[in-house]
């Protein structure tokens, strides 16, 4: 299977979203991202990247939890924030770089899906096949995510 090349962990991608959100809060007054919202942005980023480039953006698995898709390691990293916006995180190591295609997808995911509240994103994922067809607390199959996003979000 071609899906073996991983450049990033979900934690690094999460920190990209938090950095971008910090920039947007200073420029546009955007609200801080909560852990719940961050989880959904990671799911949408993974799905969109799979759909456009036929490979995952990050290596971590996404699980079908009660409130939608979750990357458990990132959830644990930020769970101390509860439902509040995340205001502190570790910086991305300087040797880690995002490609132009990665940055493009991440910005588009943030700009589109980031406009919605955490609860709206949660509800959106509950209407989508990958979460619906996965037993709760099991890993959502990467192929299921890719197929769904290609059918739903990518214009042929």
Foldseek 3Di string as FASTA:
>chain_A
DPADDEQAALQLLLLVLQVVQVVCCVVPVAFADFQLLSQLLSLQLQLQCCQVPVYGHHDAFWFQAPLGTGRVVSCVQRVVCPRHGDDDDDHRPPVRDDDPVSVVSSVVSCVPSVVDHSNVSSVVRCPFDQNVVHDHGDTRDSVSSNVRCNVPPDDD
